[in-house]
Amino acid sequence: MGEVADAVILAGGRGTRMLPGSMYSPKEIMPLIDTPIINHLIWEACKAGVKRIHIVVSPEKKEILSKKLTESIDWISEVRPDLPRISLDPVPEKVELFFHEQTIPGGVGDAISLVTNFIKGPFLVLLGDNLLIENHIGAHKSGPKFASNSCKKLVDYFHNNGIPCTGILEVPDEEVHKYGIVELENGLIKRIMEKPKIIDAPSNFILCGRYLLPENTGELLKLYSSAEYGELQSIALFEHLIRNEGFGGVNMNEFELYDSGDPINWLKSQIDHALRREDLKEEILDWIGNRISEVK
């Protein structure tokens, strides 16, 4: 069946919906209150047991991310000795980190194809602007120990069932049109519909940016070229899996989905996370209550 030893974090997008902010801070390193998104993603992958993390980046982001993830943090530790070292240096010592350049944005499938030659065995894929959070805590509780279990759930499913899988999460009717929606049968995905109207949607379950793909993914992607399928190359890959070995849908309803891809959703994510954090919620609730009364 194979060990899941690699994770791919997709961070090659241009962040156009977050401009002009994303000109200076790529959306993958924007903080959820006090902890960068990329930290959460790295720890989530590590909690699932991976030994190597591959980050697909644009040339501009490579310079920023590689510097931030590899530079010395000694001076920061001296200034903030209260913070655990892993909150500042998020890659655990025994985990290898690699960067792969995506020079032209070509979608999820194209980004994955840049990495498959460097991977042996099944592997995880995490979208760089999606967080699945279950522990609403701050930087003082950092690292894989406190990370999301979402990727680990995919690995457990794979080991129990022997087929590739993806995380799925239920959303309200009014949000269905924003996502890829799946049709399910006995826990298996039977169809994917891209951003349907609610009246046409086969369910309210969305693809939520977490995948566990088979070792032969690189060869499969060659069957569905980005030149022909464009941004839908990854959907063509998933449909191939559905028709052949099967593609499992792993329920992630216990997690909160936070999306840094556009300003409103990211603002809502920040507020929601703050309201769920024991160290912040009372102060934030008081402030929101006072602010609402002032606005009225």
C-alpha atoms as a PDB file:
ATOM      1  CA  MET A   1       0.000   0.000   0.000  1.00  0.00           C
ATOM      2  CA  GLY A   2       2.918   2.302   0.671  1.00  0.00           C
ATOM      3  CA  GLU A   3       3.928   4.773   3.342  1.00  0.00           C
ATOM      4  CA  VAL A   4       2.635   8.340   3.045  1.00  0.00           C
ATOM      5  CA  ALA A   5       5.961  10.115   3.531  1.00  0.00           C
ATOM      6  CA  ASP A   6       5.478  13.244   1.390  1.00  0.00           C
ATOM      7  CA  ALA A   7       3.166  16.241   1.499  1.00  0.00           C
ATOM      8  CA  VAL A   8       2.767  18.892  -1.188  1.00  0.00           C
ATOM      9  CA  ILE A   9       1.661  22.391  -0.179  1.00  0.00           C
ATOM     10  CA  LEU A  10       0.378  24.407  -3.129  1.00  0.00           C
ATOM     11  CA  ALA A  11       1.399  28.052  -2.778  1.00  0.00           C
ATOM     12  CA  GLY A  12       1.941  29.113  -6.387  1.00  0.00           C
ATOM     13  CA  GLY A  13      -1.169  31.241  -6.875  1.00  0.00           C
ATOM     14  CA  ARG A  14      -0.889  34.975  -7.420  1.00  0.00           C
ATOM     15  CA  GLY A  15      -3.425  35.942  -4.773  1.00  0.00           C
ATOM     16  CA  THR A  16      -5.200  38.372  -7.096  1.00  0.00           C
ATOM     17  CA  ARG A  17      -8.334  38.589  -4.943  1.00  0.00           C
ATOM     18  CA  MET A  18      -6.189  39.669  -1.992  1.00  0.00           C
ATOM     19  CA  LEU A  19      -4.438  42.494  -3.838  1.00  0.00           C
ATOM     20  CA  PRO A  20      -2.876  44.859  -2.955  1.00  0.00           C
ATOM     21  CA  GLY A  21      -2.134  43.118   0.358  1.00  0.00           C
ATOM     22  CA  SER A  22      -0.757  39.982  -1.299  1.00  0.00           C
ATOM     23  CA  MET A  23       1.872  42.096  -3.086  1.00  0.00           C
ATOM     24  CA  TYR A  24       3.700  42.418   0.216  1.00  0.00           C
ATOM     25  CA  SER A  25       2.548  39.342   2.133  1.00  0.00           C
ATOM     26  CA  PRO A  26       1.684  36.176   0.181  1.00  0.00           C
ATOM     27  CA  LYS A  27      -1.641  34.792   1.375  1.00  0.00           C
ATOM     28  CA  GLU A  28       0.075  31.595   2.548  1.00  0.00           C
ATOM     29  CA  ILE A  29       2.036  33.491   5.212  1.00  0.00           C
ATOM     30  CA  MET A  30      -0.748  35.779   6.342  1.00  0.00           C
ATOM     31  CA  PRO A  31      -1.340  35.145  10.043  1.00  0.00           C
ATOM     32  CA  LEU A  32      -4.436  33.581  11.516  1.00  0.00           C
ATOM     33  CA  ILE A  33      -4.334  36.062  14.424  1.00  0.00           C
ATOM     34  CA  ASP A  34      -0.715  35.336  15.414  1.00  0.00           C
ATOM     35  CA  THR A  35       0.354  32.222  13.496  1.00  0.00           C
ATOM     36  CA  PRO A  36       1.104  32.183   9.743  1.00  0.00           C
ATOM     37  CA  ILE A  37      -1.013  29.922   7.564  1.00  0.00           C
ATOM     38  CA  ILE A  38       2.076  28.091   6.289  1.00  0.00           C
ATOM     39  CA  ASN A  39       2.970  27.094   9.861  1.00  0.00           C
ATOM     40  CA  HIS A  40      -0.431  25.483  10.349  1.00  0.00           C
ATOM     41  CA  LEU A  41      -0.095  23.598   7.051  1.00  0.00           C
ATOM     42  CA  ILE A  42       3.391  22.301   7.829  1.00  0.00           C
ATOM     43  CA  TRP A  43       2.356  21.094  11.274  1.00  0.00           C
ATOM     44  CA  GLU A  44      -0.811  19.470   9.937  1.00  0.00           C
ATOM     45  CA  ALA A  45       1.231  17.493   7.401  1.00  0.00           C
ATOM     46  CA  CYS A  46       3.806  16.529  10.020  1.00  0.00           C
ATOM     47  CA  LYS A  47       1.089  15.305  12.384  1.00  0.00           C
ATOM     48  CA  ALA A  48       0.038  12.906   9.623  1.00  0.00           C
ATOM     49  CA  GLY A  49       3.544  11.414   9.700  1.00  0.00           C
ATOM     50  CA  VAL A  50       5.235  12.830   6.603  1.00  0.00           C
ATOM     51  CA  LYS A  51       9.008  13.064   6.374  1.00  0.00           C
ATOM     52  CA  ARG A  52       9.279  15.446   3.417  1.00  0.00           C
ATOM     53  CA  ILE A  53       7.356  18.615   2.612  1.00  0.00           C
ATOM     54  CA  HIS A  54       7.322  20.066  -0.900  1.00  0.00           C
ATOM     55  CA  ILE A  55       6.099  23.633  -1.337  1.00  0.00           C
ATOM     56  CA  VAL A  56       5.115  24.703  -4.858  1.00  0.00           C
ATOM     57  CA  VAL A  57       5.684  28.446  -5.200  1.00  0.00           C
ATOM     58  CA  SER A  58       5.969  31.234  -7.735  1.00  0.00           C
ATOM     59  CA  PRO A  59       9.511  32.615  -8.185  1.00  0.00           C
ATOM     60  CA  GLU A  60       8.582  35.696  -6.147  1.00  0.00           C
ATOM     61  CA  LYS A  61       7.150  33.677  -3.279  1.00  0.00           C
ATOM     62  CA  LYS A  62      10.104  31.292  -3.261  1.00  0.00           C
ATOM     63  CA  GLU A  63      12.408  34.115  -2.227  1.00  0.00           C
ATOM     64  CA  ILE A  64      10.101  35.160   0.601  1.00  0.00           C
ATOM     65  CA  LEU A  65       9.067  31.734   1.883  1.00  0.00           C
ATOM     66  CA  SER A  66      12.474  30.081   1.658  1.00  0.00           C
ATOM     67  CA  LYS A  67      14.008  32.949   3.610  1.00  0.00           C
ATOM     68  CA  LYS A  68      11.353  32.922   6.312  1.00  0.00           C
ATOM     69  CA  LEU A  69      11.375  29.144   6.712  1.00  0.00           C
ATOM     70  CA  THR A  70      15.157  28.718   6.811  1.00  0.00           C
ATOM     71  CA  GLU A  71      16.606  31.905   8.354  1.00  0.00           C
ATOM     72  CA  SER A  72      18.071  32.044  11.861  1.00  0.00           C
ATOM     73  CA  ILE A  73      15.563  32.905  14.566  1.00  0.00           C
ATOM     74  CA  ASP A  74      18.011  33.313  17.440  1.00  0.00           C
ATOM     75  CA  TRP A  75      17.421  37.046  17.766  1.00  0.00           C
ATOM     76  CA  ILE A  76      13.648  36.544  17.827  1.00  0.00           C
ATOM     77  CA  SER A  77      13.951  33.897  20.522  1.00  0.00           C
ATOM     78  CA  GLU A  78      15.904  36.366  22.620  1.00  0.00           C
ATOM     79  CA  VAL A  79      13.236  39.046  22.203  1.00  0.00           C
ATOM     80  CA  ARG A  80      10.312  36.624  22.770  1.00  0.00           C
ATOM     81  CA  PRO A  81      11.596  33.852  25.040  1.00  0.00           C
ATOM     82  CA  ASP A  82       7.974  33.105  26.000  1.00  0.00           C
ATOM     83  CA  LEU A  83       7.242  31.638  22.559  1.00  0.00           C
ATOM     84  CA  PRO A  84       8.127  28.000  21.807  1.00  0.00           C
ATOM     85  CA  ARG A  85      10.903  27.717  19.262  1.00  0.00           C
ATOM     86  CA  ILE A  86       8.734  25.779  16.821  1.00  0.00           C
ATOM     87  CA  SER A  87       6.325  28.720  16.599  1.00  0.00           C
ATOM     88  CA  LEU A  88       9.195  30.687  15.019  1.00  0.00           C
ATOM     89  CA  ASP A  89      10.977  27.836  13.215  1.00  0.00           C
ATOM     90  CA  PRO A  90       8.023  25.678  12.098  1.00  0.00           C
ATOM     91  CA  VAL A  91       9.774  22.826  10.260  1.00  0.00           C
ATOM     92  CA  PRO A  92      10.666  19.996  12.678  1.00  0.00           C
ATOM     93  CA  GLU A  93      14.316  18.924  12.620  1.00  0.00           C
ATOM     94  CA  LYS A  94      13.736  15.488  11.090  1.00  0.00           C
ATOM     95  CA  VAL A  95      11.496  16.784   8.283  1.00  0.00           C
ATOM     96  CA  GLU A  96      13.036  17.762   4.932  1.00  0.00           C
ATOM     97  CA  LEU A  97      11.782  20.871   3.129  1.00  0.00           C
ATOM     98  CA  PHE A  98      11.870  21.390  -0.656  1.00  0.00           C
ATOM     99  CA  PHE A  99      10.718  24.231  -2.910  1.00  0.00           C
ATOM    100  CA  HIS A 100       9.479  23.786  -6.488  1.00  0.00           C
ATOM    101  CA  GLU A 101       8.905  26.783  -8.777  1.00  0.00           C
ATOM    102  CA  GLN A 102       5.707  27.194 -10.761  1.00  0.00           C
ATOM    103  CA  THR A 103       6.707  29.958 -13.152  1.00  0.00           C
ATOM    104  CA  ILE A 104       3.251  30.369 -14.710  1.00  0.00           C
ATOM    105  CA  PRO A 105       0.048  29.800 -12.691  1.00  0.00           C
ATOM    106  CA  GLY A 106      -1.540  26.688 -14.180  1.00  0.00           C
ATOM    107  CA  GLY A 107      -3.897  25.352 -11.550  1.00  0.00           C
ATOM    108  CA  VAL A 108      -3.769  22.531  -9.029  1.00  0.00           C
ATOM    109  CA  GLY A 109      -2.990  19.729 -11.490  1.00  0.00           C
ATOM    110  CA  ASP A 110      -0.115  21.621 -13.070  1.00  0.00           C
ATOM    111  CA  ALA A 111       1.358  22.414  -9.657  1.00  0.00           C
ATOM    112  CA  ILE A 112       1.186  18.776  -8.556  1.00  0.00           C
ATOM    113  CA  SER A 113       2.875  17.647 -11.795  1.00  0.00           C
ATOM    114  CA  LEU A 114       5.959  19.698 -10.881  1.00  0.00           C
ATOM    115  CA  VAL A 115       6.544  17.536  -7.816  1.00  0.00           C
ATOM    116  CA  THR A 116       5.577  13.977  -8.740  1.00  0.00           C
ATOM    117  CA  ASN A 117       9.027  13.070 -10.111  1.00  0.00           C
ATOM    118  CA  PHE A 118      10.486  13.755  -6.664  1.00  0.00           C
ATOM    119  CA  ILE A 119       8.013  11.565  -4.782  1.00  0.00           C
ATOM    120  CA  LYS A 120       7.831   7.809  -4.322  1.00  0.00           C
ATOM    121  CA  GLY A 121       4.616   6.447  -2.913  1.00  0.00           C
ATOM    122  CA  PRO A 122       1.230   8.014  -2.164  1.00  0.00           C
ATOM    123  CA  PHE A 123       1.289  11.618  -0.989  1.00  0.00           C
ATOM    124  CA  LEU A 124      -0.775  14.370   0.590  1.00  0.00           C
ATOM    125  CA  VAL A 125      -1.767  17.622  -1.110  1.00  0.00           C
ATOM    126  CA  LEU A 126      -2.773  20.721   0.862  1.00  0.00           C
ATOM    127  CA  LEU A 127      -4.105  23.902  -0.737  1.00  0.00           C
ATOM    128  CA  GLY A 128      -2.060  26.777   0.626  1.00  0.00           C
ATOM    129  CA  ASP A 129      -4.952  29.147   1.286  1.00  0.00           C
ATOM    130  CA  ASN A 130      -7.262  26.702   3.099  1.00  0.00           C
ATOM    131  CA  LEU A 131      -7.002  25.874   6.790  1.00  0.00           C
ATOM    132  CA  LEU A 132      -8.971  23.184   8.598  1.00  0.00           C
ATOM    133  CA  ILE A 133      -8.858  24.101  12.276  1.00  0.00           C
ATOM    134  CA  GLU A 134     -10.117  22.161  15.282  1.00  0.00           C
ATOM    135  CA  ASN A 135      -7.920  23.505  18.098  1.00  0.00           C
ATOM    136  CA  HIS A 136      -8.498  27.227  18.517  1.00  0.00           C
ATOM    137  CA  ILE A 137      -5.292  28.151  20.282  1.00  0.00           C
ATOM    138  CA  GLY A 138      -2.521  30.720  19.963  1.00  0.00           C
ATOM    139  CA  ALA A 139       1.194  30.720  19.246  1.00  0.00           C
ATOM    140  CA  HIS A 140       2.089  29.518  22.738  1.00  0.00           C
ATOM    141  CA  LYS A 141       0.715  26.097  21.768  1.00  0.00           C
ATOM    142  CA  SER A 142       2.450  25.488  18.454  1.00  0.00           C
ATOM    143  CA  GLY A 143       3.719  22.512  16.498  1.00  0.00           C
ATOM    144  CA  PRO A 144       2.422  19.160  15.219  1.00  0.00           C
ATOM    145  CA  LYS A 145       1.205  18.156  18.690  1.00  0.00           C
ATOM    146  CA  PHE A 146      -1.498  20.845  18.558  1.00  0.00           C
ATOM    147  CA  ALA A 147      -2.109  20.736  14.793  1.00  0.00           C
ATOM    148  CA  SER A 148      -5.214  19.806  12.845  1.00  0.00           C
ATOM    149  CA  ASN A 149      -5.906  16.091  12.418  1.00  0.00           C
ATOM    150  CA  SER A 150      -7.398  16.518   8.950  1.00  0.00           C
ATOM    151  CA  CYS A 151      -4.443  15.123   6.986  1.00  0.00           C
ATOM    152  CA  LYS A 152      -4.043  12.323   9.514  1.00  0.00           C
ATOM    153  CA  LYS A 153      -7.673  11.374   8.855  1.00  0.00           C
ATOM    154  CA  LEU A 154      -6.841  11.001   5.153  1.00  0.00           C
ATOM    155  CA  VAL A 155      -3.826   8.814   5.912  1.00  0.00           C
ATOM    156  CA  ASP A 156      -5.866   6.637   8.279  1.00  0.00           C
ATOM    157  CA  TYR A 157      -8.584   6.265   5.638  1.00  0.00           C
ATOM    158  CA  PHE A 158      -6.000   5.287   3.019  1.00  0.00           C
ATOM    159  CA  HIS A 159      -4.426   2.663   5.266  1.00  0.00           C
ATOM    160  CA  ASN A 160      -7.844   1.225   6.134  1.00  0.00           C
ATOM    161  CA  ASN A 161      -9.312   1.240   2.621  1.00  0.00           C
ATOM    162  CA  GLY A 162      -6.362   1.243   0.217  1.00  0.00           C
ATOM    163  CA  ILE A 163      -7.724   3.925  -2.129  1.00  0.00           C
ATOM    164  CA  PRO A 164      -6.988   7.645  -2.668  1.00  0.00           C
ATOM    165  CA  CYS A 165      -9.253  10.086  -0.892  1.00  0.00           C
ATOM    166  CA  THR A 166     -10.141  13.715  -0.304  1.00  0.00           C
ATOM    167  CA  GLY A 167     -11.510  15.758   2.550  1.00  0.00           C
ATOM    168  CA  ILE A 168     -15.134  16.854   2.223  1.00  0.00           C
ATOM    169  CA  LEU A 169     -17.076  19.293   4.349  1.00  0.00           C
ATOM    170  CA  GLU A 170     -20.738  20.299   4.481  1.00  0.00           C
ATOM    171  CA  VAL A 171     -21.689  23.926   3.778  1.00  0.00           C
ATOM    172  CA  PRO A 172     -25.012  25.828   3.935  1.00  0.00           C
ATOM    173  CA  ASP A 173     -27.194  26.080   0.831  1.00  0.00           C
ATOM    174  CA  GLU A 174     -26.196  29.690   0.177  1.00  0.00           C
ATOM    175  CA  GLU A 175     -22.515  28.730  -0.165  1.00  0.00           C
ATOM    176  CA  VAL A 176     -22.882  25.728  -2.486  1.00  0.00           C
ATOM    177  CA  HIS A 177     -22.392  27.793  -5.658  1.00  0.00           C
ATOM    178  CA  LYS A 178     -18.868  28.781  -4.559  1.00  0.00           C
ATOM    179  CA  TYR A 179     -17.340  25.296  -4.499  1.00  0.00           C
ATOM    180  CA  GLY A 180     -16.819  21.967  -6.185  1.00  0.00           C
ATOM    181  CA  ILE A 181     -19.660  19.779  -4.885  1.00  0.00           C
ATOM    182  CA  VAL A 182     -19.487  15.996  -4.602  1.00  0.00           C
ATOM    183  CA  GLU A 183     -22.062  13.261  -5.042  1.00  0.00           C
ATOM    184  CA  LEU A 184     -21.537  10.474  -2.513  1.00  0.00           C
ATOM    185  CA  GLU A 185     -22.463   6.805  -2.384  1.00  0.00           C
ATOM    186  CA  ASN A 186     -21.418   4.681   0.599  1.00  0.00           C
ATOM    187  CA  GLY A 187     -18.550   7.027   1.383  1.00  0.00           C
ATOM    188  CA  LEU A 188     -17.210   7.059  -2.176  1.00  0.00           C
ATOM    189  CA  ILE A 189     -17.303  10.071  -4.464  1.00  0.00           C
ATOM    190  CA  LYS A 190     -19.291   9.321  -7.599  1.00  0.00           C
ATOM    191  CA  ARG A 191     -19.324  12.734  -9.256  1.00  0.00           C
ATOM    192  CA  ILE A 192     -17.939  16.264  -8.867  1.00  0.00           C
ATOM    193  CA  MET A 193     -19.910  19.315  -9.974  1.00  0.00           C
ATOM    194  CA  GLU A 194     -18.105  22.644 -10.242  1.00  0.00           C
ATOM    195  CA  LYS A 195     -19.993  25.489  -8.509  1.00  0.00           C
ATOM    196  CA  PRO A 196     -23.553  24.315  -9.207  1.00  0.00           C
ATOM    197  CA  LYS A 197     -26.754  26.120  -8.315  1.00  0.00           C
ATOM    198  CA  ILE A 198     -28.264  24.672  -5.155  1.00  0.00           C
ATOM    199  CA  ILE A 199     -31.175  23.229  -7.143  1.00  0.00           C
ATOM    200  CA  ASP A 200     -28.713  21.190  -9.244  1.00  0.00           C
ATOM    201  CA  ALA A 201     -26.283  20.212  -6.482  1.00  0.00           C
ATOM    202  CA  PRO A 202     -26.117  16.494  -5.586  1.00  0.00           C
ATOM    203  CA  SER A 203     -25.220  17.341  -1.963  1.00  0.00           C
ATOM    204  CA  ASN A 204     -23.883  20.119   0.245  1.00  0.00           C
ATOM    205  CA  PHE A 205     -20.462  18.509   0.590  1.00  0.00           C
ATOM    206  CA  ILE A 206     -17.537  20.433  -0.876  1.00  0.00           C
ATOM    207  CA  LEU A 207     -13.949  19.598  -1.699  1.00  0.00           C
ATOM    208  CA  CYS A 208     -12.069  21.387   1.077  1.00  0.00           C
ATOM    209  CA  GLY A 209      -8.468  21.454  -0.133  1.00  0.00           C
ATOM    210  CA  ARG A 210      -7.032  18.206   1.268  1.00  0.00           C
ATOM    211  CA  TYR A 211      -6.169  15.200  -0.903  1.00  0.00           C
ATOM    212  CA  LEU A 212      -4.284  11.919  -0.663  1.00  0.00           C
ATOM    213  CA  LEU A 213      -3.220  10.851  -4.140  1.00  0.00           C
ATOM    214  CA  PRO A 214      -1.640   7.653  -5.524  1.00  0.00           C
ATOM    215  CA  GLU A 215       1.974   7.175  -6.543  1.00  0.00           C
ATOM    216  CA  ASN A 216       1.092   7.121 -10.260  1.00  0.00           C
ATOM    217  CA  THR A 217      -0.484  10.597 -10.179  1.00  0.00           C
ATOM    218  CA  GLY A 218       2.238  12.019 -12.426  1.00  0.00           C
ATOM    219  CA  GLU A 219       1.457   9.478 -15.145  1.00  0.00           C
ATOM    220  CA  LEU A 220      -2.279  10.072 -14.787  1.00  0.00           C
ATOM    221  CA  LEU A 221      -1.865  13.830 -15.178  1.00  0.00           C
ATOM    222  CA  LYS A 222      -0.160  13.241 -18.522  1.00  0.00           C
ATOM    223  CA  LEU A 223      -3.451  11.765 -19.743  1.00  0.00           C
ATOM    224  CA  TYR A 224      -5.196  15.062 -18.988  1.00  0.00           C
ATOM    225  CA  SER A 225      -2.836  17.811 -20.084  1.00  0.00           C
ATOM    226  CA  SER A 226      -3.094  21.302 -18.646  1.00  0.00           C
ATOM    227  CA  ALA A 227      -3.077  22.599 -22.243  1.00  0.00           C
ATOM    228  CA  GLU A 228      -6.367  20.800 -22.875  1.00  0.00           C
ATOM    229  CA  TYR A 229      -8.035  20.921 -19.463  1.00  0.00           C
ATOM    230  CA  GLY A 230      -6.576  24.111 -17.984  1.00  0.00           C
ATOM    231  CA  GLU A 231      -7.691  24.791 -14.402  1.00  0.00           C
ATOM    232  CA  LEU A 232      -9.940  21.698 -14.580  1.00  0.00           C
ATOM    233  CA  GLN A 233      -6.981  19.319 -14.984  1.00  0.00           C
ATOM    234  CA  SER A 234      -7.220  18.287 -11.340  1.00  0.00           C
ATOM    235  CA  ILE A 235     -10.956  17.591 -11.692  1.00  0.00           C
ATOM    236  CA  ALA A 236     -10.177  15.348 -14.682  1.00  0.00           C
ATOM    237  CA  LEU A 237      -7.662  13.513 -12.478  1.00  0.00           C
ATOM    238  CA  PHE A 238     -10.231  13.054  -9.707  1.00  0.00           C
ATOM    239  CA  GLU A 239     -12.822  11.787 -12.192  1.00  0.00           C
ATOM    240  CA  HIS A 240     -10.274   9.240 -13.438  1.00  0.00           C
ATOM    241  CA  LEU A 241      -9.820   8.004  -9.870  1.00  0.00           C
ATOM    242  CA  ILE A 242     -13.606   7.835  -9.421  1.00  0.00           C
ATOM    243  CA  ARG A 243     -13.942   5.647 -12.540  1.00  0.00           C
ATOM    244  CA  ASN A 244     -11.076   3.342 -11.648  1.00  0.00           C
ATOM    245  CA  GLU A 245      -9.623   2.580  -8.209  1.00  0.00           C
ATOM    246  CA  GLY A 246     -12.186   4.701  -6.368  1.00  0.00           C
ATOM    247  CA  PHE A 247     -11.974   8.043  -4.587  1.00  0.00           C
ATOM    248  CA  GLY A 248     -13.016   8.200  -0.953  1.00  0.00           C
ATOM    249  CA  GLY A 249     -14.721  11.162   0.677  1.00  0.00           C
ATOM    250  CA  VAL A 250     -13.492  11.723   4.247  1.00  0.00           C
ATOM    251  CA  ASN A 251     -15.862  13.795   6.379  1.00  0.00           C
ATOM    252  CA  MET A 252     -14.192  16.878   7.871  1.00  0.00           C
ATOM    253  CA  ASN A 253     -17.250  18.444   9.495  1.00  0.00           C
ATOM    254  CA  GLU A 254     -15.530  18.673  12.881  1.00  0.00           C
ATOM    255  CA  PHE A 255     -13.119  21.275  11.478  1.00  0.00           C
ATOM    256  CA  GLU A 256     -13.634  24.961  10.718  1.00  0.00           C
ATOM    257  CA  LEU A 257     -12.687  25.842   7.134  1.00  0.00           C
ATOM    258  CA  TYR A 258     -10.757  29.113   6.968  1.00  0.00           C
ATOM    259  CA  ASP A 259      -9.983  30.600   3.550  1.00  0.00           C
ATOM    260  CA  SER A 260      -7.379  33.314   2.979  1.00  0.00           C
ATOM    261  CA  GLY A 261      -8.196  33.538  -0.724  1.00  0.00           C
ATOM    262  CA  ASP A 262     -10.392  36.634  -0.507  1.00  0.00           C
ATOM    263  CA  PRO A 263     -10.700  39.549   1.959  1.00  0.00           C
ATOM    264  CA  ILE A 264     -14.213  38.937   3.317  1.00  0.00           C
ATOM    265  CA  ASN A 265     -13.727  35.228   3.993  1.00  0.00           C
ATOM    266  CA  TRP A 266     -10.363  35.853   5.614  1.00  0.00           C
ATOM    267  CA  LEU A 267     -11.821  38.593   7.827  1.00  0.00           C
ATOM    268  CA  LYS A 268     -14.624  36.234   8.884  1.00  0.00           C
ATOM    269  CA  SER A 269     -12.035  33.530   9.566  1.00  0.00           C
ATOM    270  CA  GLN A 270     -10.026  35.821  11.825  1.00  0.00           C
ATOM    271  CA  ILE A 271     -13.094  36.867  13.805  1.00  0.00           C
ATOM    272  CA  ASP A 272     -14.424  33.312  14.105  1.00  0.00           C
ATOM    273  CA  HIS A 273     -11.063  31.997  15.308  1.00  0.00           C
ATOM    274  CA  ALA A 274     -10.722  34.831  17.828  1.00  0.00           C
ATOM    275  CA  LEU A 275     -14.205  34.135  19.213  1.00  0.00           C
ATOM    276  CA  ARG A 276     -13.254  30.470  19.727  1.00  0.00           C
ATOM    277  CA  ARG A 277      -9.949  31.191  21.480  1.00  0.00           C
ATOM    278  CA  GLU A 278     -10.179  31.155  25.272  1.00  0.00           C
ATOM    279  CA  ASP A 279      -7.538  33.873  25.581  1.00  0.00           C
ATOM    280  CA  LEU A 280      -9.313  36.276  23.206  1.00  0.00           C
ATOM    281  CA  LYS A 281     -13.041  35.629  23.068  1.00  0.00           C
ATOM    282  CA  GLU A 282     -14.192  37.763  26.034  1.00  0.00           C
ATOM    283  CA  GLU A 283     -12.319  40.861  24.908  1.00  0.00           C
ATOM    284  CA  ILE A 284     -13.414  40.405  21.288  1.00  0.00           C
ATOM    285  CA  LEU A 285     -17.051  39.819  22.286  1.00  0.00           C
ATOM    286  CA  ASP A 286     -17.058  42.989  24.381  1.00  0.00           C
ATOM    287  CA  TRP A 287     -15.485  45.001  21.580  1.00  0.00           C
ATOM    288  CA  ILE A 288     -17.903  43.668  18.947  1.00  0.00           C
ATOM    289  CA  GLY A 289     -20.887  44.379  21.207  1.00  0.00           C
ATOM    290  CA  ASN A 290     -19.757  47.940  21.826  1.00  0.00           C
ATOM    291  CA  ARG A 291     -18.927  48.494  18.186  1.00  0.00           C
ATOM    292  CA  ILE A 292     -22.314  47.233  16.994  1.00  0.00           C
ATOM    293  CA  SER A 293     -24.115  49.570  19.375  1.00  0.00           C
ATOM    294  CA  GLU A 294     -22.019  52.484  18.101  1.00  0.00           C
ATOM    295  CA  VAL A 295     -22.709  51.660  14.452  1.00  0.00           C
ATOM    296  CA  LYS A 296     -26.455  51.440  15.055  1.00  0.00           C
END
